[in-house]
Amino acid sequence: MNASLQTTYTFETIIGLEVHVQLKTKTKLFCRCETTFGAAPNTQVCPVCLGMPGALPVMNERAIELAIRTGLALDCSIPPMTKWDRKQYFYPDLPKGYQISQFDLPICADGFLEVVDPANEEAMCRVGIIRAHLEEDAGKSIHDEASGSGDSRIDLNRCGTPLLEIVTQPDMRSAAQAKAFLTELKLLLTHLDVSDCEMQEGSLRVDANVNLRIDVDGQWAITPIVEIKNMNSFRAVERAILYEIGRQYIAWEETGATIENNPKVTRGWDDDREQTFAQREKEASADYRYFPDPDLLPIRIPVEQVDAAREALGELPAQVRSRLQTQYGIKAYDADVIVNQGTAMITYFETAAEVSGDGKRTSSWLLQDVMRTIKEEGLEITKFPVSAISLGDLLHRVSSNKLDNARARDVFAHMLKNHGTVEASIEALGIEAVDSSELETLCQELIDANPQIVADLRGGKQQAIGSLLGQAKKRNPNANIQLVRETLLKMVEQ
Protein backbone atom coordinates (compact mmCIF):
# COMPACT_ATOMS: atom_id res chain seq x y z
CA MET A 1 0.00 0.00 0.00
CA ASN A 2 1.25 3.51 -0.78
CA ALA A 3 2.59 5.22 2.32
CA SER A 4 0.37 8.26 1.60
CA LEU A 5 -2.85 6.24 1.25
CA GLN A 6 -5.25 6.96 4.11
CA THR A 7 -7.73 4.12 4.63
CA THR A 8 -10.88 3.68 6.68
CA TYR A 9 -11.21 -0.06 6.13
CA THR A 10 -8.60 -2.78 6.41
CA PHE A 11 -7.95 -4.69 3.20
CA GLU A 12 -5.84 -7.41 1.66
CA THR A 13 -4.11 -7.17 -1.71
CA ILE A 14 -4.55 -10.09 -4.12
CA ILE A 15 -1.85 -10.45 -6.77
CA GLY A 16 -1.32 -13.01 -9.51
CA LEU A 17 1.27 -12.84 -12.29
CA GLU A 18 1.44 -13.94 -15.92
CA VAL A 19 5.04 -14.25 -17.04
CA HIS A 20 5.93 -14.73 -20.70
CA VAL A 21 9.39 -16.25 -21.10
CA GLN A 22 11.13 -16.50 -24.46
CA LEU A 23 12.76 -19.91 -24.65
CA LYS A 24 16.41 -20.21 -25.62
CA THR A 25 16.04 -21.91 -28.98
CA LYS A 26 17.95 -21.11 -32.16
CA THR A 27 14.83 -21.19 -34.31
CA LYS A 28 11.15 -20.35 -33.93
CA LEU A 29 8.43 -22.62 -32.59
CA PHE A 30 7.03 -23.81 -35.92
CA CYS A 31 9.59 -22.83 -38.57
CA ARG A 32 13.35 -22.58 -39.14
CA CYS A 33 13.61 -18.78 -38.88
CA GLU A 34 16.22 -17.60 -36.37
CA THR A 35 15.30 -15.96 -33.06
CA THR A 36 18.39 -13.71 -32.79
CA PHE A 37 17.60 -10.36 -31.17
CA GLY A 38 18.43 -7.11 -32.96
CA ALA A 39 18.15 -8.16 -36.61
CA ALA A 40 16.86 -5.64 -39.14
CA PRO A 41 13.04 -5.48 -39.15
CA ASN A 42 11.22 -8.20 -41.07
CA THR A 43 14.38 -10.11 -42.05
CA GLN A 44 13.77 -13.21 -39.91
CA VAL A 45 10.45 -14.26 -41.40
CA CYS A 46 9.10 -16.92 -43.74
CA PRO A 47 5.71 -18.05 -45.16
CA VAL A 48 5.01 -20.05 -41.96
CA CYS A 49 5.44 -17.26 -39.41
CA LEU A 50 3.86 -14.75 -41.82
CA GLY A 51 0.75 -16.93 -42.07
CA MET A 52 0.86 -17.32 -45.85
CA PRO A 53 -1.77 -19.65 -47.35
CA GLY A 54 -0.65 -23.27 -47.60
CA ALA A 55 2.39 -22.89 -45.29
CA LEU A 56 2.31 -25.59 -42.60
CA PRO A 57 3.93 -25.48 -39.14
CA VAL A 58 6.50 -28.03 -37.95
CA MET A 59 7.05 -28.25 -34.19
CA ASN A 60 10.40 -27.37 -32.60
CA GLU A 61 11.23 -30.27 -30.25
CA ARG A 62 13.82 -28.21 -28.38
CA ALA A 63 11.05 -25.93 -27.11
CA ILE A 64 9.23 -28.96 -25.73
CA GLU A 65 12.39 -30.06 -23.88
CA LEU A 66 12.93 -26.62 -22.34
CA ALA A 67 9.28 -26.39 -21.28
CA ILE A 68 9.47 -29.78 -19.55
CA ARG A 69 12.69 -28.79 -17.77
CA THR A 70 11.08 -25.59 -16.51
CA GLY A 71 7.91 -27.33 -15.41
CA LEU A 72 9.82 -29.92 -13.39
CA ALA A 73 11.88 -27.20 -11.69
CA LEU A 74 8.58 -25.54 -10.71
CA ASP A 75 7.32 -28.85 -9.32
CA CYS A 76 4.62 -29.05 -12.01
CA SER A 77 3.07 -32.23 -13.32
CA ILE A 78 3.86 -33.12 -16.94
CA PRO A 79 0.93 -34.82 -18.70
CA PRO A 80 1.36 -37.82 -20.98
CA MET A 81 -0.29 -35.83 -23.78
CA THR A 82 -0.65 -32.16 -24.65
CA LYS A 83 -1.98 -30.38 -27.72
CA TRP A 84 -2.03 -27.11 -29.67
CA ASP A 85 -4.94 -24.70 -29.92
CA ARG A 86 -5.70 -21.63 -31.98
CA LYS A 87 -6.38 -18.45 -30.04
CA GLN A 88 -8.35 -16.08 -32.28
CA TYR A 89 -7.82 -12.33 -32.13
CA PHE A 90 -7.05 -9.59 -34.61
CA TYR A 91 -4.17 -7.21 -34.18
CA PRO A 92 -1.80 -5.56 -36.68
CA ASP A 93 1.24 -7.53 -35.50
CA LEU A 94 -0.52 -10.92 -35.72
CA PRO A 95 -0.56 -11.69 -39.47
CA LYS A 96 -2.40 -15.04 -39.21
CA GLY A 97 -5.30 -13.61 -37.24
CA TYR A 98 -4.72 -16.27 -34.58
CA GLN A 99 -1.98 -17.40 -32.22
CA ILE A 100 -0.98 -21.03 -31.77
CA SER A 101 -1.16 -21.63 -28.03
CA GLN A 102 -2.41 -24.23 -25.52
CA PHE A 103 -5.80 -24.03 -23.87
CA ASP A 104 -7.17 -26.96 -21.88
CA LEU A 105 -4.15 -29.31 -21.94
CA PRO A 106 -1.04 -27.25 -21.06
CA ILE A 107 2.35 -28.92 -21.02
CA CYS A 108 2.90 -28.05 -17.31
CA ALA A 109 0.37 -27.63 -14.49
CA ASP A 110 -0.13 -27.45 -10.72
CA GLY A 111 3.30 -26.44 -9.44
CA PHE A 112 4.77 -23.88 -7.06
CA LEU A 113 7.80 -21.72 -6.32
CA GLU A 114 8.86 -20.71 -2.82
CA VAL A 115 10.43 -17.32 -2.14
CA VAL A 116 11.60 -15.54 0.99
CA ASP A 117 8.92 -13.16 2.24
CA PRO A 118 10.45 -9.63 2.11
CA ALA A 119 8.39 -8.66 5.17
CA ASN A 120 9.83 -11.52 7.22
CA GLU A 121 13.12 -13.06 6.12
CA GLU A 122 12.48 -16.04 8.40
CA ALA A 123 9.28 -16.94 6.51
CA MET A 124 8.72 -18.41 3.07
CA CYS A 125 5.96 -17.48 0.66
CA ARG A 126 4.74 -20.33 -1.54
CA VAL A 127 3.34 -19.11 -4.85
CA GLY A 128 1.26 -21.67 -6.70
CA ILE A 129 1.71 -22.18 -10.44
CA ILE A 130 -1.61 -22.82 -12.17
CA ARG A 131 -0.04 -23.70 -15.52
CA ALA A 132 2.86 -23.11 -17.86
CA HIS A 133 1.95 -23.47 -21.51
CA LEU A 134 3.73 -23.04 -24.81
CA GLU A 135 2.70 -20.52 -27.42
CA GLU A 136 4.13 -18.54 -30.31
CA ASP A 137 4.88 -14.85 -29.94
CA ALA A 138 3.27 -12.09 -31.97
CA GLY A 139 5.15 -9.35 -33.81
CA LYS A 140 6.06 -5.93 -32.49
CA SER A 141 4.32 -2.60 -33.12
CA ILE A 142 6.71 0.35 -33.23
CA HIS A 143 5.05 3.71 -32.59
CA ASP A 144 6.76 6.94 -33.66
CA GLU A 145 5.68 9.43 -31.02
CA ALA A 146 8.88 11.49 -30.92
CA SER A 147 8.46 13.16 -34.33
CA GLY A 148 4.82 14.00 -33.72
CA SER A 149 3.63 12.11 -36.80
CA GLY A 150 2.15 9.26 -34.76
CA ASP A 151 3.14 6.70 -37.40
CA SER A 152 3.22 3.02 -36.48
CA ARG A 153 5.28 0.29 -38.10
CA ILE A 154 5.20 -3.47 -37.72
CA ASP A 155 8.27 -5.70 -37.22
CA LEU A 156 7.33 -9.37 -37.61
CA ASN A 157 10.74 -10.82 -36.67
CA ARG A 158 9.35 -11.91 -33.32
CA CYS A 159 6.33 -13.74 -34.83
CA GLY A 160 6.54 -17.44 -34.00
CA THR A 161 9.23 -17.11 -31.33
CA PRO A 162 8.63 -19.80 -28.67
CA LEU A 163 7.18 -18.53 -25.40
CA LEU A 164 6.39 -20.29 -22.15
CA GLU A 165 3.61 -18.48 -20.33
CA ILE A 166 3.78 -19.12 -16.58
CA VAL A 167 0.53 -18.29 -14.78
CA THR A 168 0.53 -18.08 -10.98
CA GLN A 169 -2.17 -18.46 -8.42
CA PRO A 170 -3.23 -15.15 -6.80
CA ASP A 171 -1.06 -16.00 -3.79
CA MET A 172 0.97 -12.81 -3.41
CA ARG A 173 -0.14 -10.21 -0.89
CA SER A 174 2.22 -7.32 -1.55
CA ALA A 175 4.14 -5.64 -4.37
CA ALA A 176 7.38 -6.65 -2.62
CA GLN A 177 6.32 -10.32 -2.69
CA ALA A 178 5.60 -10.06 -6.42
CA LYS A 179 9.04 -8.57 -7.06
CA ALA A 180 10.67 -11.29 -4.91
CA PHE A 181 8.83 -13.99 -6.89
CA LEU A 182 9.97 -12.54 -10.22
CA THR A 183 13.56 -12.26 -9.00
CA GLU A 184 13.58 -15.91 -7.89
CA LEU A 185 11.85 -17.07 -11.08
CA LYS A 186 14.39 -15.25 -13.26
CA LEU A 187 17.24 -16.80 -11.27
CA LEU A 188 15.73 -20.26 -11.73
CA LEU A 189 15.20 -19.82 -15.48
CA THR A 190 18.71 -18.53 -16.13
CA HIS A 191 20.15 -21.26 -13.89
CA LEU A 192 18.31 -23.85 -16.01
CA ASP A 193 19.56 -22.10 -19.17
CA VAL A 194 16.06 -22.13 -20.66
CA SER A 195 15.99 -18.34 -21.25
CA ASP A 196 18.24 -15.32 -20.96
CA CYS A 197 15.32 -13.38 -19.34
CA GLU A 198 16.40 -10.01 -20.78
CA MET A 199 13.40 -7.75 -20.14
CA GLN A 200 14.88 -4.95 -22.27
CA GLU A 201 14.95 -7.35 -25.24
CA GLY A 202 11.45 -8.68 -24.59
CA SER A 203 12.52 -12.20 -23.63
CA LEU A 204 10.77 -11.84 -20.25
CA ARG A 205 7.48 -9.94 -19.97
CA VAL A 206 5.17 -9.63 -16.99
CA ASP A 207 1.49 -8.84 -16.59
CA ALA A 208 0.14 -8.39 -13.06
CA ASN A 209 -3.44 -9.11 -12.00
CA VAL A 210 -4.35 -6.99 -8.98
CA ASN A 211 -7.44 -6.46 -6.86
CA LEU A 212 -8.37 -5.83 -3.24
CA ARG A 213 -10.40 -7.71 -0.66
CA ILE A 214 -11.80 -5.09 1.72
CA ASP A 215 -13.23 -5.93 5.12
CA VAL A 216 -16.55 -4.10 5.53
CA ASP A 217 -18.07 -4.97 8.90
CA GLY A 218 -17.01 -8.60 8.60
CA GLN A 219 -18.06 -8.93 4.94
CA TRP A 220 -15.64 -8.98 2.01
CA ALA A 221 -15.98 -6.35 -0.70
CA ILE A 222 -13.83 -7.48 -3.62
CA THR A 223 -12.74 -4.91 -6.19
CA PRO A 224 -12.64 -5.70 -9.94
CA ILE A 225 -9.50 -7.44 -11.17
CA VAL A 226 -7.14 -5.20 -13.13
CA GLU A 227 -4.47 -6.60 -15.43
CA ILE A 228 -1.48 -4.26 -15.64
CA LYS A 229 0.70 -4.30 -18.77
CA ASN A 230 3.68 -2.43 -20.27
CA MET A 231 6.08 -2.93 -17.33
CA ASN A 232 9.72 -3.14 -18.40
CA SER A 233 11.47 -3.97 -15.11
CA PHE A 234 10.79 -5.72 -11.82
CA ARG A 235 10.98 -2.34 -10.11
CA ALA A 236 8.31 -1.08 -12.51
CA VAL A 237 6.14 -4.07 -11.60
CA GLU A 238 6.48 -3.20 -7.93
CA ARG A 239 5.67 0.49 -8.49
CA ALA A 240 2.72 -0.30 -10.75
CA ILE A 241 1.17 -2.62 -8.18
CA LEU A 242 1.66 -0.09 -5.40
CA TYR A 243 -0.01 2.60 -7.46
CA GLU A 244 -2.88 0.30 -8.46
CA ILE A 245 -3.54 -0.65 -4.81
CA GLY A 246 -4.09 2.99 -3.93
CA ARG A 247 -6.11 3.72 -7.07
CA GLN A 248 -8.43 0.74 -6.53
CA TYR A 249 -9.08 1.58 -2.89
CA ILE A 250 -9.96 5.19 -3.70
CA ALA A 251 -12.14 4.10 -6.64
CA TRP A 252 -13.99 1.65 -4.39
CA GLU A 253 -14.62 4.33 -1.77
CA GLU A 254 -15.98 6.66 -4.44
CA THR A 255 -18.10 4.22 -6.48
CA GLY A 256 -18.46 1.03 -4.43
CA ALA A 257 -17.60 -0.99 -7.57
CA THR A 258 -17.03 -4.69 -6.88
CA ILE A 259 -16.07 -7.72 -8.93
CA GLU A 260 -19.65 -8.98 -9.10
CA ASN A 261 -20.87 -6.18 -11.36
CA ASN A 262 -17.70 -5.03 -13.13
CA PRO A 263 -15.66 -6.84 -15.79
CA LYS A 264 -11.95 -7.46 -15.61
CA VAL A 265 -10.09 -4.58 -17.26
CA THR A 266 -6.63 -3.97 -18.67
CA ARG A 267 -4.58 -0.94 -17.71
CA GLY A 268 -1.18 0.13 -18.99
CA TRP A 269 1.71 1.41 -16.87
CA ASP A 270 3.19 4.82 -17.62
CA ASP A 271 6.66 4.66 -16.11
CA ASP A 272 7.34 8.39 -16.53
CA ARG A 273 4.14 9.49 -14.81
CA GLU A 274 4.25 6.49 -12.43
CA GLN A 275 0.60 5.64 -12.81
CA THR A 276 -1.64 3.19 -14.63
CA PHE A 277 -4.06 4.21 -17.37
CA ALA A 278 -7.17 2.56 -18.82
CA GLN A 279 -6.74 0.51 -22.01
CA ARG A 280 -9.68 -1.86 -22.55
CA GLU A 281 -11.95 -4.43 -21.01
CA LYS A 282 -10.22 -7.79 -20.64
CA GLU A 283 -11.37 -10.57 -22.96
CA ALA A 284 -12.66 -13.82 -21.49
CA SER A 285 -11.48 -17.19 -22.83
CA ALA A 286 -14.72 -17.56 -24.82
CA ASP A 287 -13.88 -14.37 -26.73
CA TYR A 288 -10.77 -16.01 -28.16
CA ARG A 289 -12.80 -18.92 -29.65
CA TYR A 290 -10.15 -21.53 -28.89
CA PHE A 291 -10.21 -24.73 -30.91
CA PRO A 292 -7.61 -27.48 -31.57
CA ASP A 293 -5.14 -26.55 -34.29
CA PRO A 294 -5.91 -28.75 -37.31
CA ASP A 295 -2.36 -28.52 -38.69
CA LEU A 296 -0.59 -29.88 -35.59
CA LEU A 297 -0.94 -33.30 -34.00
CA PRO A 298 -1.16 -33.72 -30.22
CA ILE A 299 2.18 -34.35 -28.47
CA ARG A 300 2.77 -37.53 -26.53
CA ILE A 301 5.36 -37.15 -23.76
CA PRO A 302 6.86 -40.49 -22.67
CA VAL A 303 7.41 -41.05 -18.95
CA GLU A 304 11.03 -41.94 -19.75
CA GLN A 305 11.59 -38.47 -21.26
CA VAL A 306 10.20 -36.78 -18.15
CA ASP A 307 12.28 -38.97 -15.82
CA ALA A 308 15.44 -38.25 -17.80
CA ALA A 309 14.73 -34.49 -17.67
CA ARG A 310 14.15 -34.67 -13.91
CA GLU A 311 17.48 -36.44 -13.33
CA ALA A 312 19.29 -33.88 -15.48
CA LEU A 313 18.00 -30.90 -13.46
CA GLY A 314 20.77 -31.03 -10.87
CA GLU A 315 20.75 -28.65 -7.91
CA LEU A 316 18.29 -25.79 -8.15
CA PRO A 317 19.16 -22.31 -6.75
CA ALA A 318 17.24 -22.78 -3.47
CA GLN A 319 19.04 -26.08 -2.86
CA VAL A 320 22.43 -24.52 -3.62
CA ARG A 321 21.78 -21.65 -1.19
CA SER A 322 20.91 -24.07 1.59
CA ARG A 323 23.93 -26.28 0.91
CA LEU A 324 26.40 -23.38 0.85
CA GLN A 325 25.19 -22.22 4.26
CA THR A 326 25.44 -25.72 5.74
CA GLN A 327 28.64 -26.87 4.07
CA TYR A 328 30.69 -23.67 4.34
CA GLY A 329 29.07 -21.95 7.34
CA ILE A 330 28.28 -18.74 5.48
CA LYS A 331 25.37 -16.36 6.10
CA ALA A 332 22.07 -16.67 4.25
CA TYR A 333 22.65 -13.23 2.70
CA ASP A 334 26.10 -14.22 1.40
CA ALA A 335 24.77 -17.47 -0.05
CA ASP A 336 21.95 -15.58 -1.77
CA VAL A 337 24.34 -13.07 -3.35
CA ILE A 338 26.68 -15.81 -4.59
CA VAL A 339 23.88 -17.92 -6.07
CA ASN A 340 22.33 -14.89 -7.75
CA GLN A 341 25.60 -14.34 -9.65
CA GLY A 342 25.15 -17.65 -11.48
CA THR A 343 26.79 -21.05 -11.71
CA ALA A 344 30.25 -19.70 -12.62
CA MET A 345 30.38 -17.67 -9.38
CA ILE A 346 29.15 -20.65 -7.35
CA THR A 347 31.92 -22.81 -8.80
CA TYR A 348 34.52 -20.09 -8.16
CA PHE A 349 33.45 -19.74 -4.53
CA GLU A 350 33.38 -23.46 -3.81
CA THR A 351 36.82 -24.02 -5.36
CA ALA A 352 38.35 -21.14 -3.40
CA ALA A 353 36.64 -22.21 -0.16
CA GLU A 354 37.88 -25.78 -0.47
CA VAL A 355 41.48 -24.59 -0.96
CA SER A 356 41.35 -21.97 1.79
CA GLY A 357 39.57 -24.22 4.30
CA ASP A 358 37.72 -21.11 5.49
CA GLY A 359 34.29 -20.62 3.90
CA LYS A 360 33.38 -17.49 5.85
CA ARG A 361 36.59 -15.67 4.98
CA THR A 362 36.29 -16.74 1.35
CA SER A 363 32.70 -15.50 1.20
CA SER A 364 33.72 -12.15 2.69
CA TRP A 365 36.51 -11.63 0.17
CA LEU A 366 34.33 -12.74 -2.71
CA LEU A 367 31.51 -10.33 -1.89
CA GLN A 368 33.87 -7.44 -1.23
CA ASP A 369 37.18 -7.60 -3.12
CA VAL A 370 36.32 -9.91 -6.01
CA MET A 371 32.85 -8.61 -6.86
CA ARG A 372 33.91 -4.99 -6.42
CA THR A 373 36.75 -5.50 -8.89
CA ILE A 374 34.45 -7.29 -11.33
CA LYS A 375 32.01 -4.39 -11.24
CA GLU A 376 34.67 -1.67 -11.52
CA GLU A 377 36.55 -3.39 -14.35
CA GLY A 378 33.53 -4.80 -16.19
CA LEU A 379 34.90 -8.34 -15.95
CA GLU A 380 33.30 -11.78 -15.86
CA ILE A 381 34.23 -14.25 -13.15
CA THR A 382 35.34 -16.77 -15.80
CA LYS A 383 37.97 -14.25 -16.95
CA PHE A 384 38.97 -12.94 -13.52
CA PRO A 385 42.78 -12.53 -13.28
CA VAL A 386 42.96 -14.25 -9.87
CA SER A 387 41.89 -17.87 -10.19
CA ALA A 388 39.77 -19.54 -7.54
CA ILE A 389 42.70 -21.76 -6.56
CA SER A 390 45.00 -18.75 -6.18
CA LEU A 391 42.45 -16.89 -4.04
CA GLY A 392 42.00 -19.99 -1.90
CA ASP A 393 45.79 -20.28 -1.49
CA LEU A 394 46.03 -16.62 -0.45
CA LEU A 395 43.21 -16.91 2.09
CA HIS A 396 44.64 -20.13 3.51
CA ARG A 397 47.81 -18.19 4.34
CA VAL A 398 45.68 -15.55 6.09
CA SER A 399 43.76 -18.15 8.09
CA SER A 400 47.01 -19.84 9.13
CA ASN A 401 48.53 -16.49 10.24
CA LYS A 402 51.20 -16.52 7.56
CA LEU A 403 49.79 -13.25 6.20
CA ASP A 404 47.62 -10.59 7.75
CA ASN A 405 44.67 -9.09 5.90
CA ALA A 406 46.48 -5.91 4.94
CA ARG A 407 49.43 -7.73 3.35
CA ALA A 408 47.06 -10.22 1.76
CA ARG A 409 45.28 -7.36 0.00
CA ASP A 410 48.65 -6.08 -1.25
CA VAL A 411 49.28 -9.54 -2.68
CA PHE A 412 45.77 -9.66 -4.17
CA ALA A 413 46.28 -6.29 -5.89
CA HIS A 414 49.64 -7.47 -7.29
CA MET A 415 48.03 -10.65 -8.62
CA LEU A 416 45.27 -8.65 -10.27
CA LYS A 417 47.78 -6.46 -12.06
CA ASN A 418 50.40 -9.06 -12.97
CA HIS A 419 48.32 -12.27 -13.19
CA GLY A 420 50.91 -14.08 -11.12
CA THR A 421 50.72 -16.75 -8.42
CA VAL A 422 50.53 -16.06 -4.71
CA GLU A 423 54.13 -17.14 -4.20
CA ALA A 424 55.42 -14.96 -7.06
CA SER A 425 53.51 -11.93 -5.79
CA ILE A 426 54.78 -12.39 -2.23
CA GLU A 427 58.34 -12.60 -3.54
CA ALA A 428 57.89 -9.56 -5.81
CA LEU A 429 56.54 -7.49 -2.90
CA GLY A 430 59.42 -8.52 -0.67
CA ILE A 431 57.17 -10.05 1.98
CA GLU A 432 59.14 -12.27 4.32
CA ALA A 433 57.92 -14.55 7.05
CA VAL A 434 58.55 -13.30 10.59
CA ASP A 435 59.32 -16.15 13.00
CA SER A 436 58.09 -16.19 16.62
CA SER A 437 61.40 -15.15 18.19
CA GLU A 438 61.69 -12.15 15.87
CA LEU A 439 58.12 -11.21 16.66
CA GLU A 440 58.70 -11.43 20.42
CA THR A 441 61.83 -9.27 20.11
CA LEU A 442 59.86 -6.62 18.22
CA CYS A 443 57.10 -6.61 20.84
CA GLN A 444 59.56 -6.34 23.71
CA GLU A 445 61.24 -3.36 22.04
CA LEU A 446 57.87 -1.65 21.70
CA ILE A 447 57.02 -2.29 25.36
CA ASP A 448 60.38 -0.96 26.53
CA ALA A 449 60.06 2.18 24.37
CA ASN A 450 56.47 3.03 25.40
CA PRO A 451 56.07 2.73 29.20
CA GLN A 452 53.08 5.14 29.33
CA ILE A 453 51.14 3.16 26.72
CA VAL A 454 51.91 -0.05 28.59
CA ALA A 455 50.62 1.56 31.79
CA ASP A 456 47.43 2.61 29.99
CA LEU A 457 46.93 -0.95 28.73
CA ARG A 458 47.39 -2.36 32.22
CA GLY A 459 44.90 0.23 33.42
CA GLY A 460 42.26 -1.14 31.07
CA LYS A 461 42.55 1.27 28.12
CA GLN A 462 42.55 -1.36 25.39
CA GLN A 463 42.39 1.24 22.59
CA ALA A 464 45.92 2.32 23.53
CA ILE A 465 47.30 -0.73 21.74
CA GLY A 466 46.58 0.95 18.40
CA SER A 467 49.66 3.16 18.78
CA LEU A 468 51.89 0.13 19.40
CA LEU A 469 50.46 -1.68 16.36
CA GLY A 470 51.14 1.35 14.16
CA GLN A 471 54.75 1.46 15.36
CA ALA A 472 55.12 -2.28 14.77
CA LYS A 473 53.97 -1.91 11.17
CA LYS A 474 56.49 0.85 10.55
CA ARG A 475 59.38 -1.12 12.09
CA ASN A 476 58.54 -4.36 10.26
CA PRO A 477 55.88 -4.23 7.50
CA ASN A 478 56.00 -8.02 7.26
CA ALA A 479 54.85 -8.56 10.84
CA ASN A 480 51.39 -10.09 11.17
CA ILE A 481 49.42 -7.44 13.04
CA GLN A 482 47.03 -9.92 14.59
CA LEU A 483 49.95 -11.94 16.01
CA VAL A 484 51.60 -8.71 17.15
CA ARG A 485 48.42 -7.75 19.02
CA GLU A 486 48.13 -11.16 20.68
CA THR A 487 51.83 -11.18 21.66
CA LEU A 488 51.77 -7.63 23.02
CA LEU A 489 48.71 -8.26 25.20
CA LYS A 490 50.22 -11.48 26.52
CA MET A 491 53.54 -9.81 27.40
CA VAL A 492 51.81 -6.78 28.99
CA GLU A 493 49.79 -9.04 31.27
CA GLN A 494 52.87 -10.83 32.56
Foldseek 3Di string as FASTA:
>chain_A
DDPPFDDDFDWWKFKKKKKKFFFPDQAFAFDRFGLDFDDDFPPRDDCVLLQPPPDFGDGDVVLLLLLLLLQVVQVWDADQWFAWKWFADDDPQRNNRTKIKGDPGFRTAWGWDWFQDPVDNVDIFIKTWGGKHKIADTWDKDFPPPVPPRDIDIGGNRRRRIIIIIIIGRRDGALVVVLRVVLQSCLQSVQQNGHPCQLVRPSMFMKMWMWMFTQDPNHTFIAAIEIEGDQRDSVLSRLARVQVHSVRSVVCVVPVHGNVPDAYFYWYADPVVSYTGGDGGDDDSVVRVMDGDPSDDMDGDDPVSSVVSSVPSPDTLVRQLVCLCVVQVEDSVLSVVQSSLYDLSSVLLVLLCVLLVHSHVSSVCCVPVVVVCCVVVVHRLVPQLQGSNQNSPLNNCCVVLQAPPVVSVQLVVVCRVPSDHSVVSCVVVVADGQDPVNLLVLLVVLCVVCVPLLVVVVVPPLVSCVVVLVVSCVVPVNHHSVVSSVSNNVVSVD
